[in-house]
Amino acid sequence: MQDIVIATISKLLATNKQPNVALVKANLPQPVPMPIIIDVLARYKQNPSEFERQTLKQVQQPEQTSSASQTQLDRIEAKLDKLLSLLENK
């Protein structure tokens, strides 16, 4: 759930809006408990530059995961093609 709040704060910052509890809560795509919103917002306000670095790291990490998923998907497709060709030959 923290990821959702972090993404929302990042979107607000990208539009040059200063995030606060009400603004973050209003822009969340799904309901999030208030303590989580307050905690993430407090972390942002304590050290905005570290928060932005951490956000960039989280954004880059899924790209690496999707690359690994794509490799795994390619292997599964190759195995499926091999099985289908074996079935067609019988």
PDB file of N, CA and C in Angstrom:
ATOM      1  N   MET A   1       0.812  -1.191   0.000  1.00  0.00           N
ATOM      2  CA  MET A   1       0.000   0.000   0.000  1.00  0.00           C
ATOM      3  C   MET A   1       0.861   1.264   0.000  1.00  0.00           C
ATOM      4  N   GLN A   2       2.038   1.148   0.598  1.00  0.00           N
ATOM      5  CA  GLN A   2       2.933   2.304   0.611  1.00  0.00           C
ATOM      6  C   GLN A   2       3.344   2.680  -0.804  1.00  0.00           C
ATOM      7  N   ASP A   3       3.489   1.678  -1.670  1.00  0.00           N
ATOM      8  CA  ASP A   3       3.876   1.951  -3.054  1.00  0.00           C
ATOM      9  C   ASP A   3       2.847   2.840  -3.754  1.00  0.00           C
ATOM     10  N   ILE A   4       1.577   2.613  -3.443  1.00  0.00           N
ATOM     11  CA  ILE A   4       0.511   3.411  -4.050  1.00  0.00           C
ATOM     12  C   ILE A   4       0.627   4.864  -3.597  1.00  0.00           C
ATOM     13  N   VAL A   5       0.894   5.049  -2.305  1.00  0.00           N
ATOM     14  CA  VAL A   5       1.028   6.407  -1.762  1.00  0.00           C
ATOM     15  C   VAL A   5       2.267   7.085  -2.342  1.00  0.00           C
ATOM     16  N   ILE A   6       3.363   6.340  -2.433  1.00  0.00           N
ATOM     17  CA  ILE A   6       4.603   6.884  -2.999  1.00  0.00           C
ATOM     18  C   ILE A   6       4.378   7.318  -4.449  1.00  0.00           C
ATOM     19  N   ALA A   7       3.698   6.474  -5.217  1.00  0.00           N
ATOM     20  CA  ALA A   7       3.426   6.813  -6.615  1.00  0.00           C
ATOM     21  C   ALA A   7       2.547   8.056  -6.716  1.00  0.00           C
ATOM     22  N   THR A   8       1.577   8.165  -5.828  1.00  0.00           N
ATOM     23  CA  THR A   8       0.690   9.331  -5.838  1.00  0.00           C
ATOM     24  C   THR A   8       1.454  10.604  -5.497  1.00  0.00           C
ATOM     25  N   ILE A   9       2.320  10.531  -4.494  1.00  0.00           N
ATOM     26  CA  ILE A   9       3.135  11.698  -4.134  1.00  0.00           C
ATOM     27  C   ILE A   9       4.042  12.082  -5.303  1.00  0.00           C
ATOM     28  N   SER A  10       4.614  11.095  -5.959  1.00  0.00           N
ATOM     29  CA  SER A  10       5.488  11.369  -7.106  1.00  0.00           C
ATOM     30  C   SER A  10       4.725  12.064  -8.229  1.00  0.00           C
ATOM     31  N   LYS A  11       3.491  11.620  -8.476  1.00  0.00           N
ATOM     32  CA  LYS A  11       2.678  12.261  -9.514  1.00  0.00           C
ATOM     33  C   LYS A  11       2.367  13.707  -9.149  1.00  0.00           C
ATOM     34  N   LEU A  12       2.077  13.935  -7.874  1.00  0.00           N
ATOM     35  CA  LEU A  12       1.798  15.305  -7.431  1.00  0.00           C
ATOM     36  C   LEU A  12       3.033  16.190  -7.595  1.00  0.00           C
ATOM     37  N   LEU A  13       4.189  15.651  -7.239  1.00  0.00           N
ATOM     38  CA  LEU A  13       5.427  16.416  -7.386  1.00  0.00           C
ATOM     39  C   LEU A  13       5.716  16.719  -8.854  1.00  0.00           C
ATOM     40  N   ALA A  14       5.392  15.768  -9.727  1.00  0.00           N
ATOM     41  CA  ALA A  14       5.628  15.961 -11.157  1.00  0.00           C
ATOM     42  C   ALA A  14       4.763  17.087 -11.720  1.00  0.00           C
ATOM     43  N   THR A  15       3.621  17.329 -11.082  1.00  0.00           N
ATOM     44  CA  THR A  15       2.744  18.416 -11.527  1.00  0.00           C
ATOM     45  C   THR A  15       2.967  19.687 -10.711  1.00  0.00           C
ATOM     46  N   ASN A  16       4.098  19.739  -9.998  1.00  0.00           N
ATOM     47  CA  ASN A  16       4.492  20.901  -9.185  1.00  0.00           C
ATOM     48  C   ASN A  16       3.486  21.248  -8.091  1.00  0.00           C
ATOM     49  N   LYS A  17       2.867  20.213  -7.517  1.00  0.00           N
ATOM     50  CA  LYS A  17       1.961  20.419  -6.394  1.00  0.00           C
ATOM     51  C   LYS A  17       2.653  19.949  -5.121  1.00  0.00           C
ATOM     52  N   GLN A  18       2.501  20.705  -4.051  1.00  0.00           N
ATOM     53  CA  GLN A  18       3.085  20.337  -2.763  1.00  0.00           C
ATOM     54  C   GLN A  18       2.158  19.313  -2.100  1.00  0.00           C
ATOM     55  N   PRO A  19       2.624  18.077  -1.898  1.00  0.00           N
ATOM     56  CA  PRO A  19       1.743  17.054  -1.335  1.00  0.00           C
ATOM     57  C   PRO A  19       1.390  17.326   0.128  1.00  0.00           C
ATOM     58  N   ASN A  20       0.127  17.094   0.456  1.00  0.00           N
ATOM     59  CA  ASN A  20      -0.333  17.110   1.838  1.00  0.00           C
ATOM     60  C   ASN A  20      -1.327  15.964   1.987  1.00  0.00           C
ATOM     61  N   VAL A  21      -1.765  15.703   3.197  1.00  0.00           N
ATOM     62  CA  VAL A  21      -2.609  14.531   3.443  1.00  0.00           C
ATOM     63  C   VAL A  21      -3.873  14.566   2.585  1.00  0.00           C
ATOM     64  N   ALA A  22      -4.553  15.694   2.561  1.00  0.00           N
ATOM     65  CA  ALA A  22      -5.809  15.785   1.812  1.00  0.00           C
ATOM     66  C   ALA A  22      -5.591  15.598   0.311  1.00  0.00           C
ATOM     67  N   LEU A  23      -4.549  16.212  -0.220  1.00  0.00           N
ATOM     68  CA  LEU A  23      -4.268  16.116  -1.650  1.00  0.00           C
ATOM     69  C   LEU A  23      -3.873  14.690  -2.039  1.00  0.00           C
ATOM     70  N   VAL A  24      -3.053  14.066  -1.210  1.00  0.00           N
ATOM     71  CA  VAL A  24      -2.646  12.681  -1.487  1.00  0.00           C
ATOM     72  C   VAL A  24      -3.864  11.770  -1.429  1.00  0.00           C
ATOM     73  N   LYS A  25      -4.661  11.903  -0.374  1.00  0.00           N
ATOM     74  CA  LYS A  25      -5.841  11.047  -0.209  1.00  0.00           C
ATOM     75  C   LYS A  25      -6.808  11.220  -1.378  1.00  0.00           C
ATOM     76  N   ALA A  26      -6.980  12.445  -1.844  1.00  0.00           N
ATOM     77  CA  ALA A  26      -7.901  12.711  -2.951  1.00  0.00           C
ATOM     78  C   ALA A  26      -7.414  12.122  -4.272  1.00  0.00           C
ATOM     79  N   ASN A  27      -6.108  11.947  -4.425  1.00  0.00           N
ATOM     80  CA  ASN A  27      -5.553  11.460  -5.694  1.00  0.00           C
ATOM     81  C   ASN A  27      -5.210   9.977  -5.689  1.00  0.00           C
ATOM     82  N   LEU A  28      -5.471   9.287  -4.597  1.00  0.00           N
ATOM     83  CA  LEU A  28      -5.168   7.855  -4.536  1.00  0.00           C
ATOM     84  C   LEU A  28      -6.128   7.068  -5.428  1.00  0.00           C
ATOM     85  N   PRO A  29      -5.620   6.068  -6.149  1.00  0.00           N
ATOM     86  CA  PRO A  29      -6.495   5.276  -7.014  1.00  0.00           C
ATOM     87  C   PRO A  29      -7.382   4.299  -6.241  1.00  0.00           C
ATOM     88  N   GLN A  30      -7.026   4.008  -4.999  1.00  0.00           N
ATOM     89  CA  GLN A  30      -7.815   3.101  -4.164  1.00  0.00           C
ATOM     90  C   GLN A  30      -7.672   3.533  -2.711  1.00  0.00           C
ATOM     91  N   PRO A  31      -8.600   3.130  -1.857  1.00  0.00           N
ATOM     92  CA  PRO A  31      -8.524   3.537  -0.446  1.00  0.00           C
ATOM     93  C   PRO A  31      -7.275   2.991   0.251  1.00  0.00           C
ATOM     94  N   VAL A  32      -6.642   3.847   1.031  1.00  0.00           N
ATOM     95  CA  VAL A  32      -5.450   3.483   1.805  1.00  0.00           C
ATOM     96  C   VAL A  32      -5.670   4.002   3.223  1.00  0.00           C
ATOM     97  N   PRO A  33      -5.326   3.202   4.234  1.00  0.00           N
ATOM     98  CA  PRO A  33      -5.499   3.669   5.610  1.00  0.00           C
ATOM     99  C   PRO A  33      -4.717   4.959   5.873  1.00  0.00           C
ATOM    100  N   MET A  34      -5.331   5.842   6.637  1.00  0.00           N
ATOM    101  CA  MET A  34      -4.747   7.150   6.935  1.00  0.00           C
ATOM    102  C   MET A  34      -3.354   7.060   7.562  1.00  0.00           C
ATOM    103  N   PRO A  35      -3.092   6.117   8.495  1.00  0.00           N
ATOM    104  CA  PRO A  35      -1.739   6.056   9.075  1.00  0.00           C
ATOM    105  C   PRO A  35      -0.639   5.811   8.039  1.00  0.00           C
ATOM    106  N   ILE A  36      -0.947   5.051   6.997  1.00  0.00           N
ATOM    107  CA  ILE A  36       0.050   4.795   5.951  1.00  0.00           C
ATOM    108  C   ILE A  36       0.315   6.078   5.168  1.00  0.00           C
ATOM    109  N   ILE A  37      -0.742   6.810   4.844  1.00  0.00           N
ATOM    110  CA  ILE A  37      -0.581   8.075   4.121  1.00  0.00           C
ATOM    111  C   ILE A  37       0.282   9.033   4.936  1.00  0.00           C
ATOM    112  N   ILE A  38      -0.036   9.150   6.221  1.00  0.00           N
ATOM    113  CA  ILE A  38       0.695  10.069   7.094  1.00  0.00           C
ATOM    114  C   ILE A  38       2.153   9.650   7.222  1.00  0.00           C
ATOM    115  N   ASP A  39       2.405   8.346   7.365  1.00  0.00           N
ATOM    116  CA  ASP A  39       3.773   7.846   7.511  1.00  0.00           C
ATOM    117  C   ASP A  39       4.613   8.147   6.271  1.00  0.00           C
ATOM    118  N   VAL A  40       4.087   7.836   5.099  1.00  0.00           N
ATOM    119  CA  VAL A  40       4.838   8.070   3.856  1.00  0.00           C
ATOM    120  C   VAL A  40       5.044   9.567   3.630  1.00  0.00           C
ATOM    121  N   LEU A  41       4.026  10.355   3.900  1.00  0.00           N
ATOM    122  CA  LEU A  41       4.142  11.802   3.733  1.00  0.00           C
ATOM    123  C   LEU A  41       5.164  12.389   4.708  1.00  0.00           C
ATOM    124  N   ALA A  42       5.205  11.867   5.926  1.00  0.00           N
ATOM    125  CA  ALA A  42       6.191  12.331   6.914  1.00  0.00           C
ATOM    126  C   ALA A  42       7.609  11.996   6.455  1.00  0.00           C
ATOM    127  N   ARG A  43       7.787  10.793   5.884  1.00  0.00           N
ATOM    128  CA  ARG A  43       9.111  10.427   5.361  1.00  0.00           C
ATOM    129  C   ARG A  43       9.521  11.362   4.240  1.00  0.00           C
ATOM    130  N   TYR A  44       8.565  11.721   3.381  1.00  0.00           N
ATOM    131  CA  TYR A  44       8.871  12.649   2.292  1.00  0.00           C
ATOM    132  C   TYR A  44       9.290  14.007   2.849  1.00  0.00           C
ATOM    133  N   LYS A  45       8.538  14.512   3.815  1.00  0.00           N
ATOM    134  CA  LYS A  45       8.811  15.851   4.346  1.00  0.00           C
ATOM    135  C   LYS A  45      10.118  15.910   5.128  1.00  0.00           C
ATOM    136  N   GLN A  46      10.527  14.795   5.734  1.00  0.00           N
ATOM    137  CA  GLN A  46      11.786  14.774   6.477  1.00  0.00           C
ATOM    138  C   GLN A  46      12.982  14.892   5.552  1.00  0.00           C
ATOM    139  N   ASN A  47      12.913  14.226   4.400  1.00  0.00           N
ATOM    140  CA  ASN A  47      14.055  14.222   3.495  1.00  0.00           C
ATOM    141  C   ASN A  47      13.563  14.059   2.050  1.00  0.00           C
ATOM    142  N   PRO A  48      13.121  15.132   1.424  1.00  0.00           N
ATOM    143  CA  PRO A  48      12.565  15.032   0.067  1.00  0.00           C
ATOM    144  C   PRO A  48      13.525  14.451  -0.968  1.00  0.00           C
ATOM    145  N   SER A  49      14.808  14.804  -0.891  1.00  0.00           N
ATOM    146  CA  SER A  49      15.743  14.304  -1.904  1.00  0.00           C
ATOM    147  C   SER A  49      15.935  12.794  -1.778  1.00  0.00           C
ATOM    148  N   GLU A  50      16.014  12.273  -0.565  1.00  0.00           N
ATOM    149  CA  GLU A  50      16.148  10.825  -0.362  1.00  0.00           C
ATOM    150  C   GLU A  50      14.877  10.114  -0.824  1.00  0.00           C
ATOM    151  N   PHE A  51      13.738  10.714  -0.566  1.00  0.00           N
ATOM    152  CA  PHE A  51      12.459  10.148  -0.995  1.00  0.00           C
ATOM    153  C   PHE A  51      12.421  10.024  -2.516  1.00  0.00           C
ATOM    154  N   GLU A  52      12.875  11.056  -3.208  1.00  0.00           N
ATOM    155  CA  GLU A  52      12.874  11.027  -4.675  1.00  0.00           C
ATOM    156  C   GLU A  52      13.844   9.983  -5.213  1.00  0.00           C
ATOM    157  N   ARG A  53      15.014   9.847  -4.576  1.00  0.00           N
ATOM    158  CA  ARG A  53      15.971   8.817  -4.997  1.00  0.00           C
ATOM    159  C   ARG A  53      15.376   7.426  -4.803  1.00  0.00           C
ATOM    160  N   GLN A  54      14.721   7.230  -3.671  1.00  0.00           N
ATOM    161  CA  GLN A  54      14.113   5.935  -3.378  1.00  0.00           C
ATOM    162  C   GLN A  54      12.996   5.636  -4.381  1.00  0.00           C
ATOM    163  N   THR A  55      12.244   6.654  -4.736  1.00  0.00           N
ATOM    164  CA  THR A  55      11.170   6.493  -5.705  1.00  0.00           C
ATOM    165  C   THR A  55      11.729   6.099  -7.068  1.00  0.00           C
ATOM    166  N   LEU A  56      12.809   6.741  -7.492  1.00  0.00           N
ATOM    167  CA  LEU A  56      13.435   6.391  -8.769  1.00  0.00           C
ATOM    168  C   LEU A  56      13.933   4.959  -8.761  1.00  0.00           C
ATOM    169  N   LYS A  57      14.492   4.534  -7.643  1.00  0.00           N
ATOM    170  CA  LYS A  57      14.987   3.168  -7.523  1.00  0.00           C
ATOM    171  C   LYS A  57      13.836   2.174  -7.659  1.00  0.00           C
ATOM    172  N   GLN A  58      12.680   2.482  -7.052  1.00  0.00           N
ATOM    173  CA  GLN A  58      11.524   1.598  -7.125  1.00  0.00           C
ATOM    174  C   GLN A  58      10.947   1.564  -8.532  1.00  0.00           C
ATOM    175  N   VAL A  59      11.027   2.678  -9.232  1.00  0.00           N
ATOM    176  CA  VAL A  59      10.517   2.727 -10.600  1.00  0.00           C
ATOM    177  C   VAL A  59      11.405   1.899 -11.523  1.00  0.00           C
ATOM    178  N   GLN A  60      12.719   1.941 -11.328  1.00  0.00           N
ATOM    179  CA  GLN A  60      13.643   1.198 -12.176  1.00  0.00           C
ATOM    180  C   GLN A  60      13.605  -0.291 -11.882  1.00  0.00           C
ATOM    181  N   GLN A  61      13.323  -0.673 -10.665  1.00  0.00           N
ATOM    182  CA  GLN A  61      13.328  -2.079 -10.275  1.00  0.00           C
ATOM    183  C   GLN A  61      12.287  -2.903 -11.040  1.00  0.00           C
ATOM    184  N   PRO A  62      11.034  -2.441 -11.209  1.00  0.00           N
ATOM    185  CA  PRO A  62      10.082  -3.238 -11.974  1.00  0.00           C
ATOM    186  C   PRO A  62      10.511  -3.476 -13.414  1.00  0.00           C
ATOM    187  N   GLU A  63      11.264  -2.546 -14.012  1.00  0.00           N
ATOM    188  CA  GLU A  63      11.746  -2.756 -15.370  1.00  0.00           C
ATOM    189  C   GLU A  63      12.659  -3.972 -15.427  1.00  0.00           C
ATOM    190  N   GLN A  64      13.510  -4.139 -14.426  1.00  0.00           N
ATOM    191  CA  GLN A  64      14.396  -5.292 -14.376  1.00  0.00           C
ATOM    192  C   GLN A  64      13.587  -6.559 -14.171  1.00  0.00           C
ATOM    193  N   THR A  65      12.560  -6.498 -13.341  1.00  0.00           N
ATOM    194  CA  THR A  65      11.709  -7.647 -13.090  1.00  0.00           C
ATOM    195  C   THR A  65      10.966  -8.041 -14.351  1.00  0.00           C
ATOM    196  N   SER A  66      10.478  -7.063 -15.107  1.00  0.00           N
ATOM    197  CA  SER A  66       9.755  -7.372 -16.329  1.00  0.00           C
ATOM    198  C   SER A  66      10.685  -8.002 -17.361  1.00  0.00           C
ATOM    199  N   SER A  67      11.952  -7.621 -17.357  1.00  0.00           N
ATOM    200  CA  SER A  67      12.918  -8.232 -18.262  1.00  0.00           C
ATOM    201  C   SER A  67      13.111  -9.703 -17.915  1.00  0.00           C
ATOM    202  N   ALA A  68      13.221 -10.009 -16.632  1.00  0.00           N
ATOM    203  CA  ALA A  68      13.362 -11.399 -16.196  1.00  0.00           C
ATOM    204  C   ALA A  68      12.093 -12.178 -16.519  1.00  0.00           C
ATOM    205  N   SER A  69      10.948 -11.551 -16.344  1.00  0.00           N
ATOM    206  CA  SER A  69       9.676 -12.202 -16.661  1.00  0.00           C
ATOM    207  C   SER A  69       9.580 -12.485 -18.151  1.00  0.00           C
ATOM    208  N   GLN A  70      10.064 -11.548 -18.962  1.00  0.00           N
ATOM    209  CA  GLN A  70      10.028 -11.739 -20.406  1.00  0.00           C
ATOM    210  C   GLN A  70      10.922 -12.902 -20.820  1.00  0.00           C
ATOM    211  N   THR A  71      12.097 -13.019 -20.194  1.00  0.00           N
ATOM    212  CA  THR A  71      13.001 -14.129 -20.485  1.00  0.00           C
ATOM    213  C   THR A  71      12.338 -15.449 -20.125  1.00  0.00           C
ATOM    214  N   GLN A  72      11.692 -15.482 -18.977  1.00  0.00           N
ATOM    215  CA  GLN A  72      11.005 -16.695 -18.543  1.00  0.00           C
ATOM    216  C   GLN A  72       9.865 -17.015 -19.510  1.00  0.00           C
ATOM    217  N   LEU A  73       9.147 -16.004 -19.938  1.00  0.00           N
ATOM    218  CA  LEU A  73       8.057 -16.197 -20.883  1.00  0.00           C
ATOM    219  C   LEU A  73       8.582 -16.754 -22.207  1.00  0.00           C
ATOM    220  N   ASP A  74       9.712 -16.255 -22.668  1.00  0.00           N
ATOM    221  CA  ASP A  74      10.317 -16.766 -23.902  1.00  0.00           C
ATOM    222  C   ASP A  74      10.654 -18.249 -23.778  1.00  0.00           C
ATOM    223  N   ARG A  75      11.203 -18.651 -22.629  1.00  0.00           N
ATOM    224  CA  ARG A  75      11.537 -20.068 -22.419  1.00  0.00           C
ATOM    225  C   ARG A  75      10.280 -20.936 -22.410  1.00  0.00           C
ATOM    226  N   ILE A  76       9.233 -20.454 -21.775  1.00  0.00           N
ATOM    227  CA  ILE A  76       7.981 -21.213 -21.725  1.00  0.00           C
ATOM    228  C   ILE A  76       7.393 -21.353 -23.123  1.00  0.00           C
ATOM    229  N   GLU A  77       7.432 -20.286 -23.902  1.00  0.00           N
ATOM    230  CA  GLU A  77       6.912 -20.343 -25.268  1.00  0.00           C
ATOM    231  C   GLU A  77       7.710 -21.325 -26.119  1.00  0.00           C
ATOM    232  N   ALA A  78       9.021 -21.354 -25.941  1.00  0.00           N
ATOM    233  CA  ALA A  78       9.856 -22.290 -26.701  1.00  0.00           C
ATOM    234  C   ALA A  78       9.503 -23.732 -26.346  1.00  0.00           C
ATOM    235  N   LYS A  79       9.308 -23.996 -25.067  1.00  0.00           N
ATOM    236  CA  LYS A  79       8.928 -25.350 -24.637  1.00  0.00           C
ATOM    237  C   LYS A  79       7.561 -25.729 -25.194  1.00  0.00           C
ATOM    238  N   LEU A  80       6.638 -24.789 -25.184  1.00  0.00           N
ATOM    239  CA  LEU A  80       5.303 -25.048 -25.708  1.00  0.00           C
ATOM    240  C   LEU A  80       5.366 -25.350 -27.202  1.00  0.00           C
ATOM    241  N   ASP A  81       6.156 -24.580 -27.935  1.00  0.00           N
ATOM    242  CA  ASP A  81       6.320 -24.836 -29.371  1.00  0.00           C
ATOM    243  C   ASP A  81       6.878 -26.231 -29.617  1.00  0.00           C
ATOM    244  N   LYS A  82       7.842 -26.632 -28.805  1.00  0.00           N
ATOM    245  CA  LYS A  82       8.448 -27.955 -28.951  1.00  0.00           C
ATOM    246  C   LYS A  82       7.421 -29.045 -28.670  1.00  0.00           C
ATOM    247  N   LEU A  83       6.631 -28.873 -27.619  1.00  0.00           N
ATOM    248  CA  LEU A  83       5.600 -29.859 -27.291  1.00  0.00           C
ATOM    249  C   LEU A  83       4.547 -29.945 -28.388  1.00  0.00           C
ATOM    250  N   LEU A  84       4.149 -28.808 -28.926  1.00  0.00           N
ATOM    251  CA  LEU A  84       3.159 -28.809 -29.998  1.00  0.00           C
ATOM    252  C   LEU A  84       3.686 -29.504 -31.248  1.00  0.00           C
ATOM    253  N   SER A  85       4.944 -29.275 -31.563  1.00  0.00           N
ATOM    254  CA  SER A  85       5.510 -29.938 -32.744  1.00  0.00           C
ATOM    255  C   SER A  85       5.607 -31.444 -32.524  1.00  0.00           C
ATOM    256  N   LEU A  86       5.923 -31.874 -31.306  1.00  0.00           N
ATOM    257  CA  LEU A  86       5.956 -33.309 -31.007  1.00  0.00           C
ATOM    258  C   LEU A  86       4.568 -33.927 -31.125  1.00  0.00           C
ATOM    259  N   LEU A  87       3.550 -33.225 -30.673  1.00  0.00           N
ATOM    260  CA  LEU A  87       2.181 -33.738 -30.775  1.00  0.00           C
ATOM    261  C   LEU A  87       1.720 -33.802 -32.223  1.00  0.00           C
ATOM    262  N   GLU A  88       2.115 -32.840 -33.029  1.00  0.00           N
ATOM    263  CA  GLU A  88       1.720 -32.832 -34.435  1.00  0.00           C
ATOM    264  C   GLU A  88       2.375 -33.972 -35.202  1.00  0.00           C
ATOM    265  N   ASN A  89       3.560 -34.376 -34.809  1.00  0.00           N
ATOM    266  CA  ASN A  89       4.288 -35.442 -35.495  1.00  0.00           C
ATOM    267  C   ASN A  89       3.713 -36.816 -35.188  1.00  0.00           C
ATOM    268  N   LYS A  90       2.961 -36.964 -34.122  1.00  0.00           N
ATOM    269  CA  LYS A  90       2.415 -38.286 -33.753  1.00  0.00           C
ATOM    270  C   LYS A  90       1.178 -38.614 -34.496  1.00  0.00           C
TER     271      LYS A  90
END
